Amino acid sequence: VHIIFNNKFWESCVKVLKDCVPLIRVLRLADTEDRPSIG
């Protein structure tokens, strides 16, 4: 329960999520069957 109230923990969570979102988008694009148009 202590970790839930720890601001440092939540700041780290936000940083991880912000860093992972672009990676997830790229992986989802690479996983699609049809080719996305460039540009």
PDB file of N, CA and C in Angstrom:
ATOM      1  N   VAL A   1       0.838  -1.189   0.000  1.00  0.00           N
ATOM      2  CA  VAL A   1       0.000   0.000   0.000  1.00  0.00           C
ATOM      3  C   VAL A   1       0.878   1.246   0.000  1.00  0.00           C
ATOM      4  N   HIS A   2       2.034   1.162   0.612  1.00  0.00           N
ATOM      5  CA  HIS A   2       2.923   2.318   0.709  1.00  0.00           C
ATOM      6  C   HIS A   2       3.354   2.817  -0.665  1.00  0.00           C
ATOM      7  N   ILE A   3       3.584   1.885  -1.581  1.00  0.00           N
ATOM      8  CA  ILE A   3       4.070   2.274  -2.914  1.00  0.00           C
ATOM      9  C   ILE A   3       3.007   3.060  -3.692  1.00  0.00           C
ATOM     10  N   ILE A   4       1.738   2.804  -3.417  1.00  0.00           N
ATOM     11  CA  ILE A   4       0.653   3.504  -4.115  1.00  0.00           C
ATOM     12  C   ILE A   4       0.690   4.998  -3.809  1.00  0.00           C
ATOM     13  N   PHE A   5       1.111   5.357  -2.620  1.00  0.00           N
ATOM     14  CA  PHE A   5       1.151   6.757  -2.219  1.00  0.00           C
ATOM     15  C   PHE A   5       2.501   7.413  -2.484  1.00  0.00           C
ATOM     16  N   ASN A   6       3.412   6.684  -3.079  1.00  0.00           N
ATOM     17  CA  ASN A   6       4.746   7.197  -3.359  1.00  0.00           C
ATOM     18  C   ASN A   6       4.745   7.948  -4.694  1.00  0.00           C
ATOM     19  N   ASN A   7       5.007   9.263  -4.656  1.00  0.00           N
ATOM     20  CA  ASN A   7       4.999  10.077  -5.877  1.00  0.00           C
ATOM     21  C   ASN A   7       6.087   9.654  -6.856  1.00  0.00           C
ATOM     22  N   LYS A   8       7.223   9.251  -6.360  1.00  0.00           N
ATOM     23  CA  LYS A   8       8.328   8.817  -7.223  1.00  0.00           C
ATOM     24  C   LYS A   8       7.903   7.614  -8.068  1.00  0.00           C
ATOM     25  N   PHE A   9       7.158   6.707  -7.468  1.00  0.00           N
ATOM     26  CA  PHE A   9       6.653   5.536  -8.181  1.00  0.00           C
ATOM     27  C   PHE A   9       5.767   5.956  -9.343  1.00  0.00           C
ATOM     28  N   TRP A  10       4.845   6.878  -9.105  1.00  0.00           N
ATOM     29  CA  TRP A  10       3.917   7.302 -10.155  1.00  0.00           C
ATOM     30  C   TRP A  10       4.621   8.102 -11.235  1.00  0.00           C
ATOM     31  N   GLU A  11       5.625   8.887 -10.857  1.00  0.00           N
ATOM     32  CA  GLU A  11       6.412   9.611 -11.863  1.00  0.00           C
ATOM     33  C   GLU A  11       7.136   8.622 -12.775  1.00  0.00           C
ATOM     34  N   SER A  12       7.643   7.558 -12.196  1.00  0.00           N
ATOM     35  CA  SER A  12       8.309   6.525 -12.994  1.00  0.00           C
ATOM     36  C   SER A  12       7.319   5.824 -13.917  1.00  0.00           C
ATOM     37  N   CYS A  13       6.130   5.564 -13.427  1.00  0.00           N
ATOM     38  CA  CYS A  13       5.098   4.923 -14.254  1.00  0.00           C
ATOM     39  C   CYS A  13       4.744   5.794 -15.450  1.00  0.00           C
ATOM     40  N   VAL A  14       4.590   7.079 -15.233  1.00  0.00           N
ATOM     41  CA  VAL A  14       4.255   8.001 -16.322  1.00  0.00           C
ATOM     42  C   VAL A  14       5.375   8.025 -17.350  1.00  0.00           C
ATOM     43  N   LYS A  15       6.611   8.050 -16.892  1.00  0.00           N
ATOM     44  CA  LYS A  15       7.753   8.060 -17.812  1.00  0.00           C
ATOM     45  C   LYS A  15       7.794   6.788 -18.653  1.00  0.00           C
ATOM     46  N   VAL A  16       7.585   5.651 -18.025  1.00  0.00           N
ATOM     47  CA  VAL A  16       7.590   4.376 -18.752  1.00  0.00           C
ATOM     48  C   VAL A  16       6.482   4.360 -19.799  1.00  0.00           C
ATOM     49  N   LEU A  17       5.299   4.807 -19.423  1.00  0.00           N
ATOM     50  CA  LEU A  17       4.186   4.814 -20.375  1.00  0.00           C
ATOM     51  C   LEU A  17       4.453   5.757 -21.542  1.00  0.00           C
ATOM     52  N   LYS A  18       5.000   6.938 -21.254  1.00  0.00           N
ATOM     53  CA  LYS A  18       5.304   7.889 -22.329  1.00  0.00           C
ATOM     54  C   LYS A  18       6.355   7.332 -23.280  1.00  0.00           C
ATOM     55  N   ASP A  19       7.292   6.563 -22.751  1.00  0.00           N
ATOM     56  CA  ASP A  19       8.334   5.971 -23.589  1.00  0.00           C
ATOM     57  C   ASP A  19       7.819   4.774 -24.378  1.00  0.00           C
ATOM     58  N   CYS A  20       6.847   4.065 -23.842  1.00  0.00           N
ATOM     59  CA  CYS A  20       6.355   2.841 -24.486  1.00  0.00           C
ATOM     60  C   CYS A  20       5.322   3.103 -25.577  1.00  0.00           C
ATOM     61  N   VAL A  21       4.562   4.175 -25.483  1.00  0.00           N
ATOM     62  CA  VAL A  21       3.494   4.431 -26.456  1.00  0.00           C
ATOM     63  C   VAL A  21       4.019   4.504 -27.887  1.00  0.00           C
ATOM     64  N   PRO A  22       5.085   5.264 -28.189  1.00  0.00           N
ATOM     65  CA  PRO A  22       5.583   5.273 -29.572  1.00  0.00           C
ATOM     66  C   PRO A  22       6.060   3.896 -30.031  1.00  0.00           C
ATOM     67  N   LEU A  23       6.672   3.143 -29.142  1.00  0.00           N
ATOM     68  CA  LEU A  23       7.131   1.799 -29.494  1.00  0.00           C
ATOM     69  C   LEU A  23       5.948   0.895 -29.835  1.00  0.00           C
ATOM     70  N   ILE A  24       4.897   0.973 -29.051  1.00  0.00           N
ATOM     71  CA  ILE A  24       3.707   0.167 -29.312  1.00  0.00           C
ATOM     72  C   ILE A  24       3.082   0.552 -30.647  1.00  0.00           C
ATOM     73  N   ARG A  25       3.049   1.846 -30.963  1.00  0.00           N
ATOM     74  CA  ARG A  25       2.499   2.283 -32.252  1.00  0.00           C
ATOM     75  C   ARG A  25       3.296   1.706 -33.416  1.00  0.00           C
ATOM     76  N   VAL A  26       4.621   1.731 -33.311  1.00  0.00           N
ATOM     77  CA  VAL A  26       5.470   1.190 -34.376  1.00  0.00           C
ATOM     78  C   VAL A  26       5.251  -0.313 -34.509  1.00  0.00           C
ATOM     79  N   LEU A  27       5.170  -1.006 -33.401  1.00  0.00           N
ATOM     80  CA  LEU A  27       4.956  -2.451 -33.449  1.00  0.00           C
ATOM     81  C   LEU A  27       3.594  -2.795 -34.041  1.00  0.00           C
ATOM     82  N   ARG A  28       2.584  -1.998 -33.738  1.00  0.00           N
ATOM     83  CA  ARG A  28       1.267  -2.248 -34.318  1.00  0.00           C
ATOM     84  C   ARG A  28       1.272  -1.989 -35.815  1.00  0.00           C
ATOM     85  N   LEU A  29       1.998  -0.961 -36.259  1.00  0.00           N
ATOM     86  CA  LEU A  29       2.113  -0.701 -37.696  1.00  0.00           C
ATOM     87  C   LEU A  29       2.825  -1.854 -38.391  1.00  0.00           C
ATOM     88  N   ALA A  30       3.867  -2.360 -37.778  1.00  0.00           N
ATOM     89  CA  ALA A  30       4.631  -3.454 -38.374  1.00  0.00           C
ATOM     90  C   ALA A  30       3.814  -4.743 -38.409  1.00  0.00           C
ATOM     91  N   ASP A  31       2.837  -4.865 -37.540  1.00  0.00           N
ATOM     92  CA  ASP A  31       2.045  -6.084 -37.434  1.00  0.00           C
ATOM     93  C   ASP A  31       0.833  -6.095 -38.371  1.00  0.00           C
ATOM     94  N   THR A  32       0.497  -4.959 -38.974  1.00  0.00           N
ATOM     95  CA  THR A  32      -0.692  -4.902 -39.829  1.00  0.00           C
ATOM     96  C   THR A  32      -0.464  -5.659 -41.121  1.00  0.00           C
ATOM     97  N   GLU A  33      -1.520  -6.204 -41.660  1.00  0.00           N
ATOM     98  CA  GLU A  33      -1.454  -6.971 -42.902  1.00  0.00           C
ATOM     99  C   GLU A  33      -1.266  -6.054 -44.110  1.00  0.00           C
ATOM    100  N   ASP A  34      -2.036  -4.976 -44.174  1.00  0.00           N
ATOM    101  CA  ASP A  34      -1.931  -4.069 -45.314  1.00  0.00           C
ATOM    102  C   ASP A  34      -0.866  -3.017 -45.059  1.00  0.00           C
ATOM    103  N   ARG A  35      -0.254  -2.571 -46.114  1.00  0.00           N
ATOM    104  CA  ARG A  35       0.831  -1.596 -46.021  1.00  0.00           C
ATOM    105  C   ARG A  35       0.254  -0.191 -45.844  1.00  0.00           C
ATOM    106  N   PRO A  36       0.676   0.535 -44.811  1.00  0.00           N
ATOM    107  CA  PRO A  36       0.227   1.924 -44.674  1.00  0.00           C
ATOM    108  C   PRO A  36       0.929   2.804 -45.704  1.00  0.00           C
ATOM    109  N   SER A  37       0.213   3.809 -46.160  1.00  0.00           N
ATOM    110  CA  SER A  37       0.835   4.727 -47.116  1.00  0.00           C
ATOM    111  C   SER A  37       1.820   5.625 -46.388  1.00  0.00           C
ATOM    112  N   ILE A  38       2.924   5.904 -47.034  1.00  0.00           N
ATOM    113  CA  ILE A  38       3.958   6.741 -46.427  1.00  0.00           C
ATOM    114  C   ILE A  38       3.718   8.182 -46.856  1.00  0.00           C
ATOM    115  N   GLY A  39       3.681   9.089 -45.876  1.00  0.00           N
ATOM    116  CA  GLY A  39       3.544  10.498 -46.200  1.00  0.00           C
ATOM    117  C   GLY A  39       2.295  11.100 -45.817  1.00  0.00           C
TER     118      GLY A  39
END
